[in-house]
Amino acid sequence: MAKRKAIPNYGIVTLNGIEYYRTRIEDADGKRVPLYGKTREELYDKVEEAKRQIAECKFRRTTPTVKEYSEKWLLMQSAHIRSTTLIDYSSKVKNYIIKPLGHMYMADVTSDDVKLAVIPAAQKSESVYRSVNMLLKCIFNSAEDSHIIDDNPTKRLSAKGGIPQKEKAALTDEQVDKLLAAIKGLPPYVFVMIGLYAGLRREEILALQWDCVHLDENAPYISVQRAWHTEHNRPVILTELKTKAARRDVPIPTCLVECLKEAKANSKSQYVIANSEGAPLSYTQFRRVWQYIVTRSTKERTYVRYVNGEKIKHTVKPVLGEAAPHNGRVIYSLDFQVTPHQLRHTYITNLIYAQVDPKTVQYLAGHENSKITMDIYAKVKYNKPHELVTVVNNAFGQ
């Protein structure tokens, strides 16, 4: 029978009034970590087991888990990004990075692990995929720069992925007329007018207060100074805007001046767009307001009704010009769909059609990056062959 090795004389420490034998051992990453045992024999067995695991590279690692480092990275970002951006980052990191990879150590993550992790993001829109892709690379690049990992598994991660979103075209003049006629006097009317004739973003319109609406000036204008967003469906108004360029003064045309004068005369709130209590809208309240537009369109939609406690799906297939079956005041008059951002896109497009120079368009739109403006400008101005035929013929002496 083999003799057991002699048990060393370990040191003794007292923890919470209990004596333990203690020693230190160097783990797989070269870090000395303590081990404890109530008896010398117990501690000896722990040391032997630790040595065995070290040999198999399974003992305690010094690199943090993906969850630990991702949360640390988010904390580091919080010092220099907007709170709304941090909320967006935190949500995506939690759902698309921590959820599939959080339990793994940073140094153990392979390129295959990363490719598998991004599959759910690839099934979403291109913008979601790009954002998740960027966050993964930023987190692992930061870990590499800090010498936490030697190999970066995101280096070859493809930037292409996600479901392409069909770009919404600007509304035509005819569509604008139909839209305004359909919602005249209804809750979304003022919002739509500001979007169409001042080009403000949704979060800029919903945060707009009357102190920033200057209607009695020789050149009336709206000063963009605040932004709206929601946390847990509650509105939060920020003075921190999306970019520095978003803070701007936008001259407004007569039709919008008249609309806002009427709205201000009837308003009991400091907010231009407010709920019945005079407060800014929550996300749910805004959706209800926008629903006035959706219900007047011919878009097929499904409702859920409860009949005798049973959940029944009810599909509506609106016919243009007819009244809604359950509300005769609602006429299906819109044979097109509208999004809030489409109002802004229509504003920018109309500026370009009016031959406004790109730098002025960039300022009025609040674009920080001229590339965004020029991309829109090029698509609007140079996508109609019949308008360019003269230019091309002149260029080639025809």
Protein backbone atom coordinates (compact mmCIF):
# COMPACT_ATOMS: atom_id res chain seq x y z
CA MET A 1 0.00 0.00 0.00
CA ALA A 2 1.50 3.37 -1.11
CA LYS A 3 2.38 5.77 1.65
CA ARG A 4 0.69 9.16 1.68
CA LYS A 5 3.05 12.08 1.32
CA ALA A 6 3.93 14.01 4.46
CA ILE A 7 1.44 16.78 5.18
CA PRO A 8 3.11 20.21 5.47
CA ASN A 9 2.76 22.40 8.53
CA TYR A 10 0.27 24.94 7.16
CA GLY A 11 -0.30 28.34 8.69
CA ILE A 12 -3.39 29.00 10.83
CA VAL A 13 -5.84 31.90 10.51
CA THR A 14 -9.06 32.75 12.35
CA LEU A 15 -12.12 33.67 10.28
CA ASN A 16 -15.39 34.56 12.03
CA GLY A 17 -14.08 33.00 15.21
CA ILE A 18 -13.15 29.69 13.56
CA GLU A 19 -9.60 28.49 13.04
CA TYR A 20 -8.58 27.34 9.58
CA TYR A 21 -5.38 26.01 8.07
CA ARG A 22 -4.30 28.14 5.14
CA THR A 23 -1.81 28.05 2.30
CA ARG A 24 -1.38 29.81 -1.01
CA ILE A 25 -0.98 28.28 -4.43
CA GLU A 26 -0.18 29.74 -7.84
CA ASP A 27 -3.08 29.31 -10.25
CA ALA A 28 -3.01 28.78 -14.02
CA ASP A 29 -2.53 32.52 -14.64
CA GLY A 30 0.39 32.83 -12.21
CA LYS A 31 -1.64 34.51 -9.49
CA ARG A 32 -1.26 33.36 -5.88
CA VAL A 33 -4.63 32.52 -4.35
CA PRO A 34 -5.42 31.27 -0.81
CA LEU A 35 -6.90 27.85 0.05
CA TYR A 36 -8.43 26.95 3.44
CA GLY A 37 -9.25 23.76 5.34
CA LYS A 38 -10.55 22.94 8.80
CA THR A 39 -7.91 20.24 9.12
CA ARG A 40 -4.44 19.81 7.66
CA GLU A 41 -5.67 16.73 5.81
CA GLU A 42 -8.62 18.61 4.26
CA LEU A 43 -6.36 21.43 3.13
CA TYR A 44 -3.82 18.97 1.73
CA ASP A 45 -6.55 17.31 -0.36
CA LYS A 46 -7.68 20.72 -1.66
CA VAL A 47 -4.13 21.60 -2.67
CA GLU A 48 -3.72 18.31 -4.54
CA GLU A 49 -7.04 18.79 -6.36
CA ALA A 50 -6.07 22.36 -7.26
CA LYS A 51 -2.77 21.17 -8.69
CA ARG A 52 -4.63 18.60 -10.79
CA GLN A 53 -7.01 21.26 -12.15
CA ILE A 54 -4.13 23.61 -12.89
CA ALA A 55 -2.53 20.88 -14.97
CA GLU A 56 -5.77 20.70 -16.96
CA CYS A 57 -6.01 24.53 -17.19
CA LYS A 58 -9.37 24.49 -15.43
CA PHE A 59 -8.42 26.21 -12.19
CA ARG A 60 -9.46 29.72 -11.29
CA ARG A 61 -8.69 32.27 -14.02
CA THR A 62 -7.67 35.88 -13.54
CA THR A 63 -9.59 37.10 -16.61
CA PRO A 64 -13.11 38.33 -15.85
CA THR A 65 -16.22 36.80 -17.32
CA VAL A 66 -17.84 38.46 -20.32
CA LYS A 67 -20.64 39.65 -18.02
CA GLU A 68 -18.19 41.21 -15.55
CA TYR A 69 -16.11 42.96 -18.18
CA SER A 70 -19.11 44.11 -20.26
CA GLU A 71 -20.63 45.75 -17.19
CA LYS A 72 -17.28 47.38 -16.39
CA TRP A 73 -17.03 48.65 -19.99
CA LEU A 74 -20.52 50.16 -19.80
CA LEU A 75 -19.57 51.89 -16.56
CA MET A 76 -16.50 53.36 -18.25
CA GLN A 77 -18.65 54.64 -21.15
CA SER A 78 -21.14 56.32 -18.81
CA ALA A 79 -18.65 59.15 -18.22
CA HIS A 80 -18.82 60.45 -21.79
CA ILE A 81 -22.00 59.30 -23.57
CA ARG A 82 -25.60 60.46 -23.29
CA SER A 83 -27.80 58.74 -20.75
CA THR A 84 -30.18 57.68 -23.52
CA THR A 85 -27.28 56.16 -25.46
CA LEU A 86 -26.15 54.33 -22.33
CA ILE A 87 -29.64 52.89 -21.88
CA ASP A 88 -29.61 51.65 -25.48
CA TYR A 89 -26.13 50.17 -25.11
CA SER A 90 -27.02 48.49 -21.81
CA SER A 91 -30.09 46.85 -23.31
CA LYS A 92 -28.21 45.48 -26.32
CA VAL A 93 -25.24 44.31 -24.23
CA LYS A 94 -27.59 42.48 -21.88
CA ASN A 95 -29.68 40.81 -24.59
CA TYR A 96 -27.12 40.09 -27.30
CA ILE A 97 -23.76 39.78 -25.50
CA ILE A 98 -24.24 38.86 -21.84
CA LYS A 99 -27.11 36.48 -22.51
CA PRO A 100 -25.15 34.13 -24.83
CA LEU A 101 -21.59 34.77 -23.59
CA GLY A 102 -21.85 36.21 -20.09
CA HIS A 103 -20.89 33.01 -18.27
CA MET A 104 -17.65 32.58 -20.25
CA TYR A 105 -14.26 34.00 -19.32
CA MET A 106 -13.08 36.72 -21.69
CA ALA A 107 -9.93 34.78 -22.57
CA ASP A 108 -11.93 31.64 -23.40
CA VAL A 109 -14.24 33.23 -26.00
CA THR A 110 -13.45 32.10 -29.54
CA SER A 111 -14.42 33.58 -32.90
CA ASP A 112 -16.92 30.74 -33.30
CA ASP A 113 -18.54 31.69 -29.97
CA VAL A 114 -18.91 35.27 -31.19
CA LYS A 115 -20.38 34.20 -34.55
CA LEU A 116 -22.96 32.06 -32.76
CA ALA A 117 -23.74 34.86 -30.33
CA VAL A 118 -24.62 37.36 -33.06
CA ILE A 119 -27.15 35.08 -34.81
CA PRO A 120 -30.14 36.55 -32.89
CA ALA A 121 -28.98 40.09 -33.78
CA ALA A 122 -28.59 39.04 -37.43
CA GLN A 123 -32.28 38.13 -37.42
CA LYS A 124 -33.17 41.70 -36.48
CA SER A 125 -32.76 44.87 -38.55
CA GLU A 126 -29.47 46.00 -40.05
CA SER A 127 -29.25 48.84 -37.52
CA VAL A 128 -29.62 46.44 -34.56
CA TYR A 129 -26.97 44.13 -36.01
CA ARG A 130 -24.55 47.01 -36.66
CA SER A 131 -25.00 48.26 -33.10
CA VAL A 132 -24.41 44.82 -31.54
CA ASN A 133 -21.43 44.26 -33.84
CA MET A 134 -19.94 47.59 -32.76
CA LEU A 135 -20.49 46.87 -29.05
CA LEU A 136 -18.86 43.44 -29.27
CA LYS A 137 -15.82 44.86 -31.01
CA CYS A 138 -15.53 47.78 -28.59
CA ILE A 139 -15.71 45.51 -25.53
CA PHE A 140 -13.14 43.00 -26.79
CA ASN A 141 -10.87 45.72 -28.25
CA SER A 142 -10.87 47.38 -24.83
CA ALA A 143 -10.00 44.08 -23.16
CA GLU A 144 -7.18 43.54 -25.65
CA ASP A 145 -5.80 47.05 -25.07
CA SER A 146 -5.83 46.40 -21.32
CA HIS A 147 -3.94 43.09 -21.81
CA ILE A 148 -6.86 41.12 -20.38
CA ILE A 149 -6.95 38.95 -23.48
CA ASP A 150 -4.20 38.05 -25.95
CA ASP A 151 -6.39 37.12 -28.92
CA ASN A 152 -9.38 39.19 -29.99
CA PRO A 153 -12.21 36.89 -31.22
CA THR A 154 -14.11 39.77 -32.87
CA LYS A 155 -11.38 40.76 -35.37
CA ARG A 156 -12.92 38.82 -38.24
CA LEU A 157 -16.54 39.40 -37.31
CA SER A 158 -18.40 40.52 -40.43
CA ALA A 159 -19.88 44.01 -40.34
CA LYS A 160 -22.64 42.88 -42.72
CA GLY A 161 -25.77 41.34 -41.29
CA GLY A 162 -29.35 41.97 -40.28
CA ILE A 163 -32.51 42.33 -42.31
CA PRO A 164 -32.39 45.31 -44.72
CA GLN A 165 -35.07 47.85 -43.95
CA LYS A 166 -36.89 49.37 -46.88
CA GLU A 167 -36.33 53.09 -46.81
CA LYS A 168 -39.52 55.09 -46.53
CA ALA A 169 -39.92 57.57 -49.34
CA ALA A 170 -40.80 61.18 -48.61
CA LEU A 171 -44.50 61.99 -48.76
CA THR A 172 -45.73 63.59 -51.96
CA ASP A 173 -47.59 66.92 -51.85
CA GLU A 174 -50.81 65.02 -52.52
CA GLN A 175 -50.16 62.64 -49.63
CA VAL A 176 -49.37 65.55 -47.31
CA ASP A 177 -52.68 67.18 -48.21
CA LYS A 178 -54.58 63.92 -47.58
CA LEU A 179 -52.82 63.35 -44.27
CA LEU A 180 -53.49 66.84 -42.92
CA ALA A 181 -57.12 66.73 -44.05
CA ALA A 182 -57.63 63.36 -42.35
CA ILE A 183 -56.33 64.49 -38.94
CA LYS A 184 -57.33 68.16 -38.84
CA GLY A 185 -58.51 68.93 -35.30
CA LEU A 186 -57.24 65.60 -33.94
CA PRO A 187 -54.42 65.02 -31.37
CA PRO A 188 -51.61 64.25 -33.88
CA TYR A 189 -52.22 67.32 -36.06
CA VAL A 190 -49.76 69.72 -34.38
CA PHE A 191 -47.10 67.00 -34.13
CA VAL A 192 -47.44 66.26 -37.85
CA MET A 193 -47.29 69.95 -38.78
CA ILE A 194 -44.06 70.47 -36.82
CA GLY A 195 -42.53 67.38 -38.41
CA LEU A 196 -43.49 68.43 -41.93
CA TYR A 197 -42.63 72.13 -41.72
CA ALA A 198 -39.80 72.30 -39.15
CA GLY A 199 -38.24 68.86 -39.64
CA LEU A 200 -37.79 68.16 -35.92
CA ARG A 201 -37.10 64.63 -34.73
CA ARG A 202 -39.80 62.88 -32.70
CA GLU A 203 -37.86 63.34 -29.45
CA GLU A 204 -37.41 67.05 -30.24
CA ILE A 205 -41.12 67.63 -30.92
CA LEU A 206 -42.29 65.81 -27.80
CA ALA A 207 -39.88 67.81 -25.61
CA LEU A 208 -40.75 71.16 -27.22
CA GLN A 209 -41.96 73.81 -24.79
CA TRP A 210 -43.60 77.12 -25.59
CA ASP A 211 -40.58 79.08 -24.33
CA CYS A 212 -38.72 77.79 -27.40
CA VAL A 213 -41.46 78.69 -29.89
CA HIS A 214 -40.92 82.29 -31.04
CA LEU A 215 -44.00 83.29 -33.00
CA ASP A 216 -43.92 87.08 -32.63
CA GLU A 217 -40.49 87.64 -34.17
CA ASN A 218 -40.06 89.21 -37.60
CA ALA A 219 -38.81 85.77 -38.65
CA PRO A 220 -40.66 83.24 -36.42
CA TYR A 221 -38.62 80.22 -35.40
CA ILE A 222 -38.40 77.18 -33.15
CA SER A 223 -35.34 76.79 -30.94
CA VAL A 224 -34.42 73.14 -30.39
CA GLN A 225 -33.10 72.89 -26.82
CA ARG A 226 -34.55 69.71 -25.31
CA ALA A 227 -35.04 66.02 -26.08
CA TRP A 228 -37.68 63.52 -24.95
CA HIS A 229 -37.19 59.88 -24.12
CA THR A 230 -38.90 57.39 -21.85
CA GLU A 231 -37.72 55.13 -19.05
CA HIS A 232 -40.16 52.40 -18.01
CA ASN A 233 -42.82 54.23 -20.08
CA ARG A 234 -42.31 57.48 -18.14
CA PRO A 235 -41.27 60.61 -20.05
CA VAL A 236 -37.89 62.15 -19.28
CA ILE A 237 -37.00 65.55 -20.73
CA LEU A 238 -33.29 66.18 -21.27
CA THR A 239 -31.35 69.32 -22.13
CA GLU A 240 -28.68 66.99 -23.54
CA LEU A 241 -29.39 66.56 -27.24
CA LYS A 242 -28.45 63.81 -29.68
CA THR A 243 -25.49 65.82 -31.01
CA LYS A 244 -24.17 69.38 -30.78
CA ALA A 245 -25.65 70.04 -34.21
CA ALA A 246 -29.13 69.14 -32.94
CA ARG A 247 -29.19 72.40 -30.95
CA ARG A 248 -30.41 74.83 -33.60
CA ASP A 249 -32.90 77.57 -34.45
CA VAL A 250 -35.29 76.60 -37.23
CA PRO A 251 -37.23 79.30 -39.11
CA ILE A 252 -40.81 78.22 -39.69
CA PRO A 253 -43.22 78.96 -42.57
CA THR A 254 -46.49 80.86 -42.20
CA CYS A 255 -48.68 77.73 -42.23
CA LEU A 256 -46.88 76.37 -39.16
CA VAL A 257 -46.89 79.78 -37.44
CA GLU A 258 -50.67 79.95 -37.74
CA CYS A 259 -51.05 76.36 -36.56
CA LEU A 260 -48.89 76.99 -33.47
CA LYS A 261 -50.61 80.28 -32.63
CA GLU A 262 -53.95 78.47 -32.52
CA ALA A 263 -52.46 75.60 -30.49
CA LYS A 264 -50.87 78.01 -28.01
CA ALA A 265 -54.13 79.92 -27.53
CA ASN A 266 -55.85 76.67 -26.53
CA SER A 267 -52.95 75.24 -24.52
CA LYS A 268 -52.86 74.97 -20.72
CA SER A 269 -49.44 73.37 -20.65
CA GLN A 270 -45.84 74.53 -21.01
CA TYR A 271 -45.44 71.70 -23.54
CA VAL A 272 -46.56 72.10 -27.14
CA ILE A 273 -47.53 68.40 -27.25
CA ALA A 274 -49.00 67.38 -23.90
CA ASN A 275 -51.37 64.90 -22.30
CA SER A 276 -54.65 65.83 -20.60
CA GLU A 277 -52.77 66.81 -17.42
CA GLY A 278 -50.36 69.10 -19.27
CA ALA A 279 -47.39 66.77 -18.88
CA PRO A 280 -45.21 65.39 -21.70
CA LEU A 281 -46.46 62.19 -23.32
CA SER A 282 -45.33 58.76 -22.22
CA TYR A 283 -44.37 56.25 -24.91
CA THR A 284 -47.78 54.55 -24.65
CA GLN A 285 -49.59 57.88 -24.88
CA PHE A 286 -47.65 58.82 -28.01
CA ARG A 287 -48.56 55.50 -29.61
CA ARG A 288 -52.23 56.23 -28.88
CA VAL A 289 -51.90 59.64 -30.50
CA TRP A 290 -50.27 58.15 -33.60
CA GLN A 291 -53.01 55.54 -33.76
CA TYR A 292 -55.37 58.27 -35.00
CA ILE A 293 -53.37 58.16 -38.24
CA VAL A 294 -53.09 54.38 -38.43
CA THR A 295 -56.83 53.87 -37.99
CA ARG A 296 -57.54 56.16 -40.94
CA SER A 297 -55.30 54.23 -43.31
CA THR A 298 -56.18 51.25 -45.48
CA LYS A 299 -53.50 49.12 -43.84
CA GLU A 300 -54.83 45.69 -42.91
CA ARG A 301 -54.63 45.12 -39.15
CA THR A 302 -55.64 42.65 -36.50
CA TYR A 303 -57.28 43.36 -33.17
CA VAL A 304 -57.88 41.05 -30.24
CA ARG A 305 -61.40 40.98 -28.80
CA TYR A 306 -62.72 39.00 -25.85
CA VAL A 307 -66.10 37.32 -26.31
CA ASN A 308 -67.42 35.50 -23.23
CA GLY A 309 -63.90 35.41 -21.87
CA GLU A 310 -62.51 33.88 -25.06
CA LYS A 311 -59.69 35.63 -26.91
CA ILE A 312 -60.66 36.13 -30.57
CA LYS A 313 -58.56 37.74 -33.30
CA HIS A 314 -60.45 40.19 -35.46
CA THR A 315 -58.94 41.28 -38.80
CA VAL A 316 -59.92 44.58 -40.40
CA LYS A 317 -59.44 45.07 -44.15
CA PRO A 318 -60.25 48.76 -44.69
CA VAL A 319 -61.61 49.95 -48.02
CA LEU A 320 -60.60 53.44 -49.14
CA GLY A 321 -63.41 55.95 -48.65
CA GLU A 322 -65.53 53.76 -46.36
CA ALA A 323 -66.29 54.44 -42.71
CA ALA A 324 -64.99 52.21 -39.94
CA PRO A 325 -67.63 49.64 -38.92
CA HIS A 326 -67.52 50.52 -35.20
CA ASN A 327 -66.94 54.28 -35.56
CA GLY A 328 -68.66 56.16 -38.35
CA ARG A 329 -66.52 59.26 -37.71
CA VAL A 330 -63.41 57.41 -38.87
CA ILE A 331 -63.07 57.39 -42.66
CA TYR A 332 -60.42 55.25 -44.35
CA SER A 333 -58.91 58.10 -46.37
CA LEU A 334 -55.17 57.27 -46.40
CA ASP A 335 -54.05 54.73 -48.99
CA PHE A 336 -50.46 54.93 -47.71
CA GLN A 337 -48.68 54.41 -44.39
CA VAL A 338 -46.84 57.11 -42.46
CA THR A 339 -44.11 56.97 -39.82
CA PRO A 340 -43.02 59.85 -37.55
CA HIS A 341 -39.56 59.91 -39.15
CA GLN A 342 -41.14 60.14 -42.60
CA LEU A 343 -42.38 63.63 -41.72
CA ARG A 344 -38.81 64.78 -41.10
CA HIS A 345 -37.60 63.04 -44.25
CA THR A 346 -40.29 64.88 -46.22
CA TYR A 347 -39.12 68.21 -44.77
CA ILE A 348 -35.50 67.57 -45.76
CA THR A 349 -36.51 66.34 -49.22
CA ASN A 350 -38.59 69.47 -49.84
CA LEU A 351 -35.64 71.68 -48.88
CA ILE A 352 -33.51 69.88 -51.45
CA TYR A 353 -36.21 70.14 -54.13
CA ALA A 354 -36.31 73.89 -53.38
CA GLN A 355 -32.58 74.09 -54.31
CA VAL A 356 -31.45 74.85 -50.73
CA ASP A 357 -27.69 74.28 -50.53
CA PRO A 358 -26.49 71.14 -48.67
CA LYS A 359 -24.79 73.03 -45.80
CA THR A 360 -28.01 74.89 -45.01
CA VAL A 361 -29.97 71.65 -45.21
CA GLN A 362 -27.47 70.09 -42.82
CA TYR A 363 -27.97 72.91 -40.30
CA LEU A 364 -31.76 72.94 -40.50
CA ALA A 365 -31.92 69.15 -40.16
CA GLY A 366 -29.51 69.15 -37.22
CA HIS A 367 -27.17 66.67 -38.91
CA GLU A 368 -23.75 66.55 -37.27
CA ASN A 369 -22.29 64.50 -40.10
CA SER A 370 -22.46 66.04 -43.57
CA LYS A 371 -22.39 62.52 -45.06
CA ILE A 372 -25.93 61.92 -43.79
CA THR A 373 -27.14 65.08 -45.50
CA MET A 374 -25.27 64.37 -48.73
CA ASP A 375 -26.55 60.79 -48.92
CA ILE A 376 -30.13 62.09 -48.76
CA TYR A 377 -29.28 64.95 -51.10
CA ALA A 378 -27.81 62.60 -53.70
CA LYS A 379 -30.76 60.20 -53.56
CA VAL A 380 -33.29 62.99 -53.94
CA LYS A 381 -31.54 65.18 -56.49
CA TYR A 382 -29.84 62.63 -58.71
CA ASN A 383 -32.19 59.67 -58.96
CA LYS A 384 -34.46 60.85 -61.77
CA PRO A 385 -33.00 60.18 -65.27
CA HIS A 386 -35.54 62.42 -67.03
CA GLU A 387 -34.33 65.38 -64.94
CA LEU A 388 -30.66 64.64 -65.70
CA VAL A 389 -30.85 63.96 -69.41
CA THR A 390 -30.09 67.59 -70.30
CA VAL A 391 -27.11 67.65 -67.93
CA VAL A 392 -25.67 64.47 -69.47
CA ASN A 393 -26.27 65.63 -73.06
CA ASN A 394 -24.58 68.98 -72.37
CA ALA A 395 -21.60 67.20 -70.79
CA PHE A 396 -21.01 65.17 -73.96
CA GLY A 397 -21.83 67.90 -76.46
CA GLN A 398 -25.13 66.40 -77.58
